[in-house]
Amino acid sequence: MLLLMGISISYAQLTEFDQWAQRVSWDGTTPWQFYINAAPGAMGPNALPVPRMQKGLVSDQWALEIRPEYHRAPGDNTYDLFSRLYIPVVKERVSLEFFWVVYERYHMDPELRNFRNARTPDGKGAATGDLHISTIIQLLRDHHSLPDVTLNISIKTALGGQLDDARYTDAPGYYFDVSAGNNIKLGKSGNQHLRWHVMAGFYVWQIYTINQRQNDAFSFGAGLDWVSNKWMFSNTLSGFIGYINDGDQPIIWESTLQYQPGKLSPGIGYRNGLNDYPYQSYYFSLTLPF
């Protein structure tokens, strides 16, 4: 008993790095970053998000969105505050979009902390997310026989923190995709319609391995929106497929309901990871168009 108590006290007196080195069997020379698997299936819920669906349209309306979110996965509970700013640059032709997780609070259990090779002894902490910046260009619009088409060019900055807890990659990335969509009228009044939309593109981000420093992925998505005068109900299936197959093939299903009275627009949403994304996410959003 005294021996066990002595071992426990000695372990508690070790530095955070020493405790981590024992858990991962550190070889004494490899940089600690190389023990972090920079893949969606092995990091926090906001580290490498699936690209947003642009639905084939550039909007001519400014919008500011604030969204408290809760993400639940086996061994991880995460709360965050997501923000998005949409800026039209050329009417119905070019826009800019920024999104950023302003604040994230997380708590991992010891098993998940060990699986991710995280360094915080209690698996708890806070982080700020990466800033994503997108340029959206309308390639085709209101054609009599072809769908609306947009090109999206985005970069992921290295603003996010807590790489040592596998929350953000602390490295840049970029992605681009083409989206197409069109409306299907419902009834003669024109008050309701369906909008189908699809997306295909390419996603690149930096990773931490000896032989490979970059992962490349094919991104994809498809969805259907029901839109009335003041309501929109949307369902999408999207993801990307990396070539390393180390948790880099996330697929998610997302469902949202939004009330659009013309001023402050509230909404609720649910996101479920179907592959290489272990989280279920719930959120409430407030969007201010102006």
C-alpha atoms as a PDB file:
ATOM      1  CA  MET A   1       0.000   0.000   0.000  1.00  0.00           C
ATOM      2  CA  LEU A   2       2.787   2.426   0.914  1.00  0.00           C
ATOM      3  CA  LEU A   3       4.521   1.600  -2.366  1.00  0.00           C
ATOM      4  CA  LEU A   4       1.366   2.387  -4.365  1.00  0.00           C
ATOM      5  CA  MET A   5       0.901   5.650  -2.475  1.00  0.00           C
ATOM      6  CA  GLY A   6       4.502   6.581  -3.186  1.00  0.00           C
ATOM      7  CA  ILE A   7       4.100   5.892  -6.891  1.00  0.00           C
ATOM      8  CA  SER A   8       0.881   7.945  -6.969  1.00  0.00           C
ATOM      9  CA  ILE A   9       2.515  10.892  -5.217  1.00  0.00           C
ATOM     10  CA  SER A  10       5.562  10.735  -7.476  1.00  0.00           C
ATOM     11  CA  TYR A  11       3.354  10.730 -10.601  1.00  0.00           C
ATOM     12  CA  ALA A  12       1.366  13.702  -9.315  1.00  0.00           C
ATOM     13  CA  GLN A  13       4.626  15.614  -8.852  1.00  0.00           C
ATOM     14  CA  LEU A  14       5.671  15.118 -12.461  1.00  0.00           C
ATOM     15  CA  THR A  15       5.223  18.042 -14.856  1.00  0.00           C
ATOM     16  CA  GLU A  16       2.376  17.987 -17.333  1.00  0.00           C
ATOM     17  CA  PHE A  17       4.820  17.151 -20.130  1.00  0.00           C
ATOM     18  CA  ASP A  18       6.394  14.330 -18.129  1.00  0.00           C
ATOM     19  CA  GLN A  19       2.982  12.785 -17.489  1.00  0.00           C
ATOM     20  CA  TRP A  20       2.167  13.032 -21.184  1.00  0.00           C
ATOM     21  CA  ALA A  21       5.542  11.513 -22.132  1.00  0.00           C
ATOM     22  CA  GLN A  22       4.820   8.497 -19.942  1.00  0.00           C
ATOM     23  CA  ARG A  23       1.308   8.041 -21.359  1.00  0.00           C
ATOM     24  CA  VAL A  24       2.433   8.091 -25.008  1.00  0.00           C
ATOM     25  CA  SER A  25       5.807   6.370 -24.454  1.00  0.00           C
ATOM     26  CA  TRP A  26       7.647   9.344 -25.901  1.00  0.00           C
ATOM     27  CA  ASP A  27      10.890   8.371 -27.629  1.00  0.00           C
ATOM     28  CA  GLY A  28      12.700  11.433 -26.269  1.00  0.00           C
ATOM     29  CA  THR A  29      13.434  13.052 -29.634  1.00  0.00           C
ATOM     30  CA  THR A  30      10.318  13.246 -31.834  1.00  0.00           C
ATOM     31  CA  PRO A  31       8.536  16.625 -31.500  1.00  0.00           C
ATOM     32  CA  TRP A  32       5.367  16.228 -29.439  1.00  0.00           C
ATOM     33  CA  GLN A  33       3.227  17.633 -32.310  1.00  0.00           C
ATOM     34  CA  PHE A  34       3.948  14.485 -34.297  1.00  0.00           C
ATOM     35  CA  TYR A  35       1.966  12.480 -31.742  1.00  0.00           C
ATOM     36  CA  ILE A  36      -1.218  14.412 -32.637  1.00  0.00           C
ATOM     37  CA  ASN A  37      -3.298  12.932 -35.453  1.00  0.00           C
ATOM     38  CA  ALA A  38      -4.587  15.958 -37.384  1.00  0.00           C
ATOM     39  CA  ALA A  39      -7.729  14.274 -38.696  1.00  0.00           C
ATOM     40  CA  PRO A  40     -11.426  15.041 -38.060  1.00  0.00           C
ATOM     41  CA  GLY A  41     -11.964  11.675 -36.376  1.00  0.00           C
ATOM     42  CA  ALA A  42      -9.197  12.339 -33.812  1.00  0.00           C
ATOM     43  CA  MET A  43      -9.701  16.008 -32.924  1.00  0.00           C
ATOM     44  CA  GLY A  44     -12.300  18.384 -31.523  1.00  0.00           C
ATOM     45  CA  PRO A  45     -15.575  19.089 -33.359  1.00  0.00           C
ATOM     46  CA  ASN A  46     -14.383  22.373 -34.913  1.00  0.00           C
ATOM     47  CA  ALA A  47     -10.826  21.459 -35.918  1.00  0.00           C
ATOM     48  CA  LEU A  48     -11.489  20.484 -39.543  1.00  0.00           C
ATOM     49  CA  PRO A  49     -15.140  21.270 -40.286  1.00  0.00           C
ATOM     50  CA  VAL A  50     -16.863  19.986 -43.397  1.00  0.00           C
ATOM     51  CA  PRO A  51     -17.166  22.939 -45.853  1.00  0.00           C
ATOM     52  CA  ARG A  52     -20.388  24.951 -45.714  1.00  0.00           C
ATOM     53  CA  MET A  53     -22.889  24.384 -48.510  1.00  0.00           C
ATOM     54  CA  GLN A  54     -23.234  27.553 -50.612  1.00  0.00           C
ATOM     55  CA  LYS A  55     -26.285  26.196 -52.507  1.00  0.00           C
ATOM     56  CA  GLY A  56     -25.349  27.809 -55.819  1.00  0.00           C
ATOM     57  CA  LEU A  57     -26.303  31.384 -54.912  1.00  0.00           C
ATOM     58  CA  VAL A  58     -24.517  34.582 -53.936  1.00  0.00           C
ATOM     59  CA  SER A  59     -26.737  36.639 -51.647  1.00  0.00           C
ATOM     60  CA  ASP A  60     -26.964  40.433 -51.914  1.00  0.00           C
ATOM     61  CA  GLN A  61     -27.696  40.861 -48.194  1.00  0.00           C
ATOM     62  CA  TRP A  62     -25.254  41.380 -45.349  1.00  0.00           C
ATOM     63  CA  ALA A  63     -25.722  38.956 -42.477  1.00  0.00           C
ATOM     64  CA  LEU A  64     -24.274  38.463 -39.013  1.00  0.00           C
ATOM     65  CA  GLU A  65     -24.918  35.124 -37.304  1.00  0.00           C
ATOM     66  CA  ILE A  66     -24.253  34.167 -33.679  1.00  0.00           C
ATOM     67  CA  ARG A  67     -24.679  30.521 -32.691  1.00  0.00           C
ATOM     68  CA  PRO A  68     -24.191  28.844 -29.300  1.00  0.00           C
ATOM     69  CA  GLU A  69     -23.471  25.133 -29.879  1.00  0.00           C
ATOM     70  CA  TYR A  70     -23.206  21.952 -27.850  1.00  0.00           C
ATOM     71  CA  HIS A  71     -21.247  18.955 -29.186  1.00  0.00           C
ATOM     72  CA  ARG A  72     -21.479  15.534 -27.570  1.00  0.00           C
ATOM     73  CA  ALA A  73     -19.280  12.519 -28.311  1.00  0.00           C
ATOM     74  CA  PRO A  74     -18.233   9.472 -26.285  1.00  0.00           C
ATOM     75  CA  GLY A  75     -15.793  10.946 -23.768  1.00  0.00           C
ATOM     76  CA  ASP A  76     -16.115  14.579 -24.883  1.00  0.00           C
ATOM     77  CA  ASN A  77     -18.522  17.407 -24.053  1.00  0.00           C
ATOM     78  CA  THR A  78     -17.881  20.682 -25.867  1.00  0.00           C
ATOM     79  CA  TYR A  79     -19.624  24.055 -25.760  1.00  0.00           C
ATOM     80  CA  ASP A  80     -18.755  26.880 -28.122  1.00  0.00           C
ATOM     81  CA  LEU A  81     -19.852  30.192 -29.585  1.00  0.00           C
ATOM     82  CA  PHE A  82     -19.791  30.251 -33.396  1.00  0.00           C
ATOM     83  CA  SER A  83     -19.937  33.484 -35.421  1.00  0.00           C
ATOM     84  CA  ARG A  84     -20.372  34.209 -39.132  1.00  0.00           C
ATOM     85  CA  LEU A  85     -20.250  37.414 -41.163  1.00  0.00           C
ATOM     86  CA  TYR A  86     -21.464  37.542 -44.782  1.00  0.00           C
ATOM     87  CA  ILE A  87     -20.523  40.584 -46.906  1.00  0.00           C
ATOM     88  CA  PRO A  88     -21.758  41.190 -50.498  1.00  0.00           C
ATOM     89  CA  VAL A  89     -19.013  42.757 -52.578  1.00  0.00           C
ATOM     90  CA  VAL A  90     -20.569  42.862 -56.050  1.00  0.00           C
ATOM     91  CA  LYS A  91     -24.353  42.536 -56.067  1.00  0.00           C
ATOM     92  CA  GLU A  92     -25.417  38.950 -56.834  1.00  0.00           C
ATOM     93  CA  ARG A  93     -21.935  38.232 -58.188  1.00  0.00           C
ATOM     94  CA  VAL A  94     -19.234  38.197 -55.484  1.00  0.00           C
ATOM     95  CA  SER A  95     -19.340  37.971 -51.695  1.00  0.00           C
ATOM     96  CA  LEU A  96     -17.031  37.373 -48.736  1.00  0.00           C
ATOM     97  CA  GLU A  97     -17.827  35.116 -45.799  1.00  0.00           C
ATOM     98  CA  PHE A  98     -15.990  34.832 -42.479  1.00  0.00           C
ATOM     99  CA  PHE A  99     -16.671  32.304 -39.762  1.00  0.00           C
ATOM    100  CA  TRP A 100     -14.952  31.825 -36.446  1.00  0.00           C
ATOM    101  CA  VAL A 101     -15.473  29.897 -33.226  1.00  0.00           C
ATOM    102  CA  VAL A 102     -14.998  32.755 -30.777  1.00  0.00           C
ATOM    103  CA  TYR A 103     -14.747  30.533 -27.707  1.00  0.00           C
ATOM    104  CA  GLU A 104     -14.761  26.789 -27.040  1.00  0.00           C
ATOM    105  CA  ARG A 105     -14.921  24.969 -23.702  1.00  0.00           C
ATOM    106  CA  TYR A 106     -14.281  21.220 -23.551  1.00  0.00           C
ATOM    107  CA  HIS A 107     -13.954  18.277 -21.180  1.00  0.00           C
ATOM    108  CA  MET A 108     -12.512  14.943 -22.318  1.00  0.00           C
ATOM    109  CA  ASP A 109     -12.495  11.798 -20.204  1.00  0.00           C
ATOM    110  CA  PRO A 110      -9.143  10.009 -19.611  1.00  0.00           C
ATOM    111  CA  GLU A 111      -9.775   7.360 -22.276  1.00  0.00           C
ATOM    112  CA  LEU A 112     -10.408   9.891 -25.046  1.00  0.00           C
ATOM    113  CA  ARG A 113      -7.549  12.093 -23.809  1.00  0.00           C
ATOM    114  CA  ASN A 114      -5.214   9.104 -24.122  1.00  0.00           C
ATOM    115  CA  PHE A 115      -6.595   8.118 -27.544  1.00  0.00           C
ATOM    116  CA  ARG A 116      -5.890  11.618 -28.847  1.00  0.00           C
ATOM    117  CA  ASN A 117      -2.513  11.866 -27.065  1.00  0.00           C
ATOM    118  CA  ALA A 118      -3.707  15.101 -25.476  1.00  0.00           C
ATOM    119  CA  ARG A 119      -1.412  16.717 -22.948  1.00  0.00           C
ATOM    120  CA  THR A 120      -3.781  18.264 -20.375  1.00  0.00           C
ATOM    121  CA  PRO A 121      -3.869  15.888 -17.383  1.00  0.00           C
ATOM    122  CA  ASP A 122      -7.577  16.425 -16.585  1.00  0.00           C
ATOM    123  CA  GLY A 123      -8.736  16.730 -20.214  1.00  0.00           C
ATOM    124  CA  LYS A 124     -10.338  20.115 -19.548  1.00  0.00           C
ATOM    125  CA  GLY A 125      -9.642  23.442 -21.182  1.00  0.00           C
ATOM    126  CA  ALA A 126     -10.692  26.333 -23.397  1.00  0.00           C
ATOM    127  CA  ALA A 127      -9.676  27.391 -26.876  1.00  0.00           C
ATOM    128  CA  THR A 128     -10.275  29.906 -29.641  1.00  0.00           C
ATOM    129  CA  GLY A 129     -11.007  28.565 -33.111  1.00  0.00           C
ATOM    130  CA  ASP A 130      -9.550  29.108 -36.561  1.00  0.00           C
ATOM    131  CA  LEU A 131     -10.793  31.935 -38.754  1.00  0.00           C
ATOM    132  CA  HIS A 132     -12.148  30.722 -42.113  1.00  0.00           C
ATOM    133  CA  ILE A 133     -12.322  33.214 -44.987  1.00  0.00           C
ATOM    134  CA  SER A 134     -14.283  32.474 -48.167  1.00  0.00           C
ATOM    135  CA  THR A 135     -14.727  34.234 -51.495  1.00  0.00           C
ATOM    136  CA  ILE A 136     -17.910  33.154 -53.300  1.00  0.00           C
ATOM    137  CA  ILE A 137     -18.278  33.901 -57.004  1.00  0.00           C
ATOM    138  CA  GLN A 138     -21.480  33.496 -59.022  1.00  0.00           C
ATOM    139  CA  LEU A 139     -20.645  31.665 -62.249  1.00  0.00           C
ATOM    140  CA  LEU A 140     -24.177  31.128 -63.538  1.00  0.00           C
ATOM    141  CA  ARG A 141     -27.522  32.519 -62.392  1.00  0.00           C
ATOM    142  CA  ASP A 142     -31.148  32.527 -63.549  1.00  0.00           C
ATOM    143  CA  HIS A 143     -30.414  30.567 -66.709  1.00  0.00           C
ATOM    144  CA  HIS A 144     -33.537  29.264 -68.468  1.00  0.00           C
ATOM    145  CA  SER A 145     -32.325  25.645 -68.574  1.00  0.00           C
ATOM    146  CA  LEU A 146     -29.230  25.389 -66.304  1.00  0.00           C
ATOM    147  CA  PRO A 147     -28.968  25.587 -62.501  1.00  0.00           C
ATOM    148  CA  ASP A 148     -27.364  28.395 -60.528  1.00  0.00           C
ATOM    149  CA  VAL A 149     -23.628  27.768 -60.029  1.00  0.00           C
ATOM    150  CA  THR A 150     -21.078  29.288 -57.610  1.00  0.00           C
ATOM    151  CA  LEU A 151     -17.355  28.865 -57.021  1.00  0.00           C
ATOM    152  CA  ASN A 152     -16.152  28.972 -53.406  1.00  0.00           C
ATOM    153  CA  ILE A 153     -12.475  29.622 -52.563  1.00  0.00           C
ATOM    154  CA  SER A 154     -11.634  29.389 -48.838  1.00  0.00           C
ATOM    155  CA  ILE A 155      -8.653  29.444 -46.518  1.00  0.00           C
ATOM    156  CA  LYS A 156      -8.380  28.123 -42.976  1.00  0.00           C
ATOM    157  CA  THR A 157      -6.039  30.169 -40.821  1.00  0.00           C
ATOM    158  CA  ALA A 158      -3.862  28.876 -37.979  1.00  0.00           C
ATOM    159  CA  LEU A 159      -5.562  31.136 -35.429  1.00  0.00           C
ATOM    160  CA  GLY A 160      -6.990  28.260 -33.357  1.00  0.00           C
ATOM    161  CA  GLY A 161      -5.250  27.086 -30.203  1.00  0.00           C
ATOM    162  CA  GLN A 162      -4.812  23.992 -28.045  1.00  0.00           C
ATOM    163  CA  LEU A 163      -3.119  21.702 -30.551  1.00  0.00           C
ATOM    164  CA  ASP A 164      -1.712  19.961 -27.473  1.00  0.00           C
ATOM    165  CA  ASP A 165      -5.271  18.874 -26.635  1.00  0.00           C
ATOM    166  CA  ALA A 166      -6.106  17.997 -30.273  1.00  0.00           C
ATOM    167  CA  ARG A 167      -8.673  20.811 -30.502  1.00  0.00           C
ATOM    168  CA  TYR A 168      -7.279  22.754 -33.495  1.00  0.00           C
ATOM    169  CA  THR A 169      -4.498  21.990 -35.966  1.00  0.00           C
ATOM    170  CA  ASP A 170      -2.362  25.144 -35.464  1.00  0.00           C
ATOM    171  CA  ALA A 171      -1.711  25.005 -39.208  1.00  0.00           C
ATOM    172  CA  PRO A 172      -3.261  26.507 -42.344  1.00  0.00           C
ATOM    173  CA  GLY A 173      -5.428  24.815 -44.923  1.00  0.00           C
ATOM    174  CA  TYR A 174      -7.512  25.665 -47.943  1.00  0.00           C
ATOM    175  CA  TYR A 175     -10.481  24.312 -49.847  1.00  0.00           C
ATOM    176  CA  PHE A 176     -12.440  25.176 -52.940  1.00  0.00           C
ATOM    177  CA  ASP A 177     -15.647  23.804 -54.367  1.00  0.00           C
ATOM    178  CA  VAL A 178     -18.334  24.334 -56.979  1.00  0.00           C
ATOM    179  CA  SER A 179     -21.986  24.395 -55.903  1.00  0.00           C
ATOM    180  CA  ALA A 180     -25.096  24.134 -58.033  1.00  0.00           C
ATOM    181  CA  GLY A 181     -28.743  24.496 -57.128  1.00  0.00           C
ATOM    182  CA  ASN A 182     -32.178  25.358 -58.442  1.00  0.00           C
ATOM    183  CA  ASN A 183     -35.704  26.036 -57.217  1.00  0.00           C
ATOM    184  CA  ILE A 184     -38.754  23.859 -57.756  1.00  0.00           C
ATOM    185  CA  LYS A 185     -42.015  25.803 -57.377  1.00  0.00           C
ATOM    186  CA  LEU A 186     -44.769  24.357 -55.216  1.00  0.00           C
ATOM    187  CA  GLY A 187     -48.279  25.392 -56.165  1.00  0.00           C
ATOM    188  CA  LYS A 188     -49.413  28.353 -58.228  1.00  0.00           C
ATOM    189  CA  SER A 189     -49.091  31.064 -55.602  1.00  0.00           C
ATOM    190  CA  GLY A 190     -45.297  31.008 -55.555  1.00  0.00           C
ATOM    191  CA  ASN A 191     -45.210  31.292 -51.756  1.00  0.00           C
ATOM    192  CA  GLN A 192     -43.381  27.989 -51.363  1.00  0.00           C
ATOM    193  CA  HIS A 193     -40.620  26.201 -53.209  1.00  0.00           C
ATOM    194  CA  LEU A 194     -38.034  23.460 -52.858  1.00  0.00           C
ATOM    195  CA  ARG A 195     -34.380  24.111 -53.567  1.00  0.00           C
ATOM    196  CA  TRP A 196     -32.030  21.249 -54.355  1.00  0.00           C
ATOM    197  CA  HIS A 197     -28.293  21.837 -54.171  1.00  0.00           C
ATOM    198  CA  VAL A 198     -25.101  19.837 -54.666  1.00  0.00           C
ATOM    199  CA  MET A 199     -21.405  20.530 -54.077  1.00  0.00           C
ATOM    200  CA  ALA A 200     -18.066  19.034 -55.117  1.00  0.00           C
ATOM    201  CA  GLY A 201     -14.557  20.253 -54.396  1.00  0.00           C
ATOM    202  CA  PHE A 202     -11.094  19.760 -52.927  1.00  0.00           C
ATOM    203  CA  TYR A 203      -9.830  20.151 -49.323  1.00  0.00           C
ATOM    204  CA  VAL A 204      -6.165  20.397 -48.237  1.00  0.00           C
ATOM    205  CA  TRP A 205      -4.706  20.738 -44.728  1.00  0.00           C
ATOM    206  CA  GLN A 206      -1.366  20.306 -42.985  1.00  0.00           C
ATOM    207  CA  ILE A 207      -0.697  17.232 -40.828  1.00  0.00           C
ATOM    208  CA  TYR A 208       2.055  16.135 -38.439  1.00  0.00           C
ATOM    209  CA  THR A 209       3.836  13.029 -39.668  1.00  0.00           C
ATOM    210  CA  ILE A 210       7.443  12.292 -40.588  1.00  0.00           C
ATOM    211  CA  ASN A 211       6.797  11.255 -44.188  1.00  0.00           C
ATOM    212  CA  GLN A 212       3.674  13.294 -45.035  1.00  0.00           C
ATOM    213  CA  ARG A 213       3.008  16.934 -44.191  1.00  0.00           C
ATOM    214  CA  GLN A 214      -0.275  17.360 -46.060  1.00  0.00           C
ATOM    215  CA  ASN A 215      -3.565  15.548 -46.520  1.00  0.00           C
ATOM    216  CA  ASP A 216      -5.753  16.014 -49.595  1.00  0.00           C
ATOM    217  CA  ALA A 217      -9.454  15.218 -49.770  1.00  0.00           C
ATOM    218  CA  PHE A 218     -12.364  15.198 -52.192  1.00  0.00           C
ATOM    219  CA  SER A 219     -15.292  17.143 -50.700  1.00  0.00           C
ATOM    220  CA  PHE A 220     -18.940  16.616 -51.579  1.00  0.00           C
ATOM    221  CA  GLY A 221     -22.462  17.432 -50.491  1.00  0.00           C
ATOM    222  CA  ALA A 222     -26.133  17.376 -51.430  1.00  0.00           C
ATOM    223  CA  GLY A 223     -29.206  18.871 -49.831  1.00  0.00           C
ATOM    224  CA  LEU A 224     -32.842  19.876 -50.145  1.00  0.00           C
ATOM    225  CA  ASP A 225     -34.509  22.979 -48.669  1.00  0.00           C
ATOM    226  CA  TRP A 226     -38.185  23.687 -48.193  1.00  0.00           C
ATOM    227  CA  VAL A 227     -38.759  27.453 -48.262  1.00  0.00           C
ATOM    228  CA  SER A 228     -41.942  29.414 -47.546  1.00  0.00           C
ATOM    229  CA  ASN A 229     -42.496  33.132 -46.974  1.00  0.00           C
ATOM    230  CA  LYS A 230     -41.021  33.043 -43.468  1.00  0.00           C
ATOM    231  CA  TRP A 231     -39.705  29.520 -42.862  1.00  0.00           C
ATOM    232  CA  MET A 232     -36.879  27.385 -44.208  1.00  0.00           C
ATOM    233  CA  PHE A 233     -36.337  23.723 -43.385  1.00  0.00           C
ATOM    234  CA  SER A 234     -33.049  22.349 -44.709  1.00  0.00           C
ATOM    235  CA  ASN A 235     -31.415  18.897 -44.793  1.00  0.00           C
ATOM    236  CA  THR A 236     -27.905  18.255 -46.095  1.00  0.00           C
ATOM    237  CA  LEU A 237     -25.503  15.336 -46.350  1.00  0.00           C
ATOM    238  CA  SER A 238     -21.868  16.363 -46.818  1.00  0.00           C
ATOM    239  CA  GLY A 239     -18.301  15.376 -46.108  1.00  0.00           C
ATOM    240  CA  PHE A 240     -14.834  14.851 -47.510  1.00  0.00           C
ATOM    241  CA  ILE A 241     -12.631  11.833 -48.168  1.00  0.00           C
ATOM    242  CA  GLY A 242      -8.921  12.075 -47.364  1.00  0.00           C
ATOM    243  CA  TYR A 243      -6.437   9.639 -48.840  1.00  0.00           C
ATOM    244  CA  ILE A 244      -4.615   8.544 -45.667  1.00  0.00           C
ATOM    245  CA  ASN A 245      -7.680   6.888 -44.061  1.00  0.00           C
ATOM    246  CA  ASP A 246      -6.700   7.727 -40.483  1.00  0.00           C
ATOM    247  CA  GLY A 247      -9.998   9.328 -39.453  1.00  0.00           C
ATOM    248  CA  ASP A 248      -9.901  11.757 -42.396  1.00  0.00           C
ATOM    249  CA  GLN A 249     -13.192  10.790 -44.060  1.00  0.00           C
ATOM    250  CA  PRO A 250     -15.931  12.628 -42.139  1.00  0.00           C
ATOM    251  CA  ILE A 251     -19.540  12.470 -43.297  1.00  0.00           C
ATOM    252  CA  ILE A 252     -22.244  14.466 -41.537  1.00  0.00           C
ATOM    253  CA  TRP A 253     -25.987  14.907 -41.809  1.00  0.00           C
ATOM    254  CA  GLU A 254     -27.371  18.299 -40.785  1.00  0.00           C
ATOM    255  CA  SER A 255     -30.940  19.482 -40.349  1.00  0.00           C
ATOM    256  CA  THR A 256     -31.953  23.096 -39.645  1.00  0.00           C
ATOM    257  CA  LEU A 257     -35.188  25.010 -39.160  1.00  0.00           C
ATOM    258  CA  GLN A 258     -35.073  28.786 -39.491  1.00  0.00           C
ATOM    259  CA  TYR A 259     -37.706  31.491 -39.093  1.00  0.00           C
ATOM    260  CA  GLN A 260     -37.109  34.347 -41.539  1.00  0.00           C
ATOM    261  CA  PRO A 261     -39.374  37.304 -40.737  1.00  0.00           C
ATOM    262  CA  GLY A 262     -37.043  39.780 -42.472  1.00  0.00           C
ATOM    263  CA  LYS A 263     -35.341  41.150 -39.344  1.00  0.00           C
ATOM    264  CA  LEU A 264     -33.748  39.080 -36.577  1.00  0.00           C
ATOM    265  CA  SER A 265     -33.941  35.466 -37.744  1.00  0.00           C
ATOM    266  CA  PRO A 266     -33.820  32.659 -35.136  1.00  0.00           C
ATOM    267  CA  GLY A 267     -33.141  29.021 -35.930  1.00  0.00           C
ATOM    268  CA  ILE A 268     -32.316  25.632 -34.480  1.00  0.00           C
ATOM    269  CA  GLY A 269     -30.116  22.882 -35.869  1.00  0.00           C
ATOM    270  CA  TYR A 270     -28.897  19.337 -35.382  1.00  0.00           C
ATOM    271  CA  ARG A 271     -25.749  17.757 -36.825  1.00  0.00           C
ATOM    272  CA  ASN A 272     -24.868  14.056 -36.652  1.00  0.00           C
ATOM    273  CA  GLY A 273     -21.564  12.486 -37.608  1.00  0.00           C
ATOM    274  CA  LEU A 274     -22.043   9.365 -39.714  1.00  0.00           C
ATOM    275  CA  ASN A 275     -18.357   8.563 -40.258  1.00  0.00           C
ATOM    276  CA  ASP A 276     -15.047   9.835 -38.820  1.00  0.00           C
ATOM    277  CA  TYR A 277     -16.889  12.529 -36.878  1.00  0.00           C
ATOM    278  CA  PRO A 278     -17.984  11.136 -33.508  1.00  0.00           C
ATOM    279  CA  TYR A 279     -20.112  14.112 -32.459  1.00  0.00           C
ATOM    280  CA  GLN A 280     -23.786  14.927 -32.284  1.00  0.00           C
ATOM    281  CA  SER A 281     -24.261  18.693 -32.275  1.00  0.00           C
ATOM    282  CA  TYR A 282     -27.166  20.896 -31.239  1.00  0.00           C
ATOM    283  CA  TYR A 283     -27.356  24.634 -31.735  1.00  0.00           C
ATOM    284  CA  PHE A 284     -29.509  27.746 -31.608  1.00  0.00           C
ATOM    285  CA  SER A 285     -28.781  30.550 -34.048  1.00  0.00           C
ATOM    286  CA  LEU A 286     -29.638  34.225 -34.372  1.00  0.00           C
ATOM    287  CA  THR A 287     -29.035  35.856 -37.759  1.00  0.00           C
ATOM    288  CA  LEU A 288     -29.250  39.597 -38.291  1.00  0.00           C
ATOM    289  CA  PRO A 289     -29.651  40.537 -41.973  1.00  0.00           C
ATOM    290  CA  PHE A 290     -28.840  44.160 -42.810  1.00  0.00           C
END
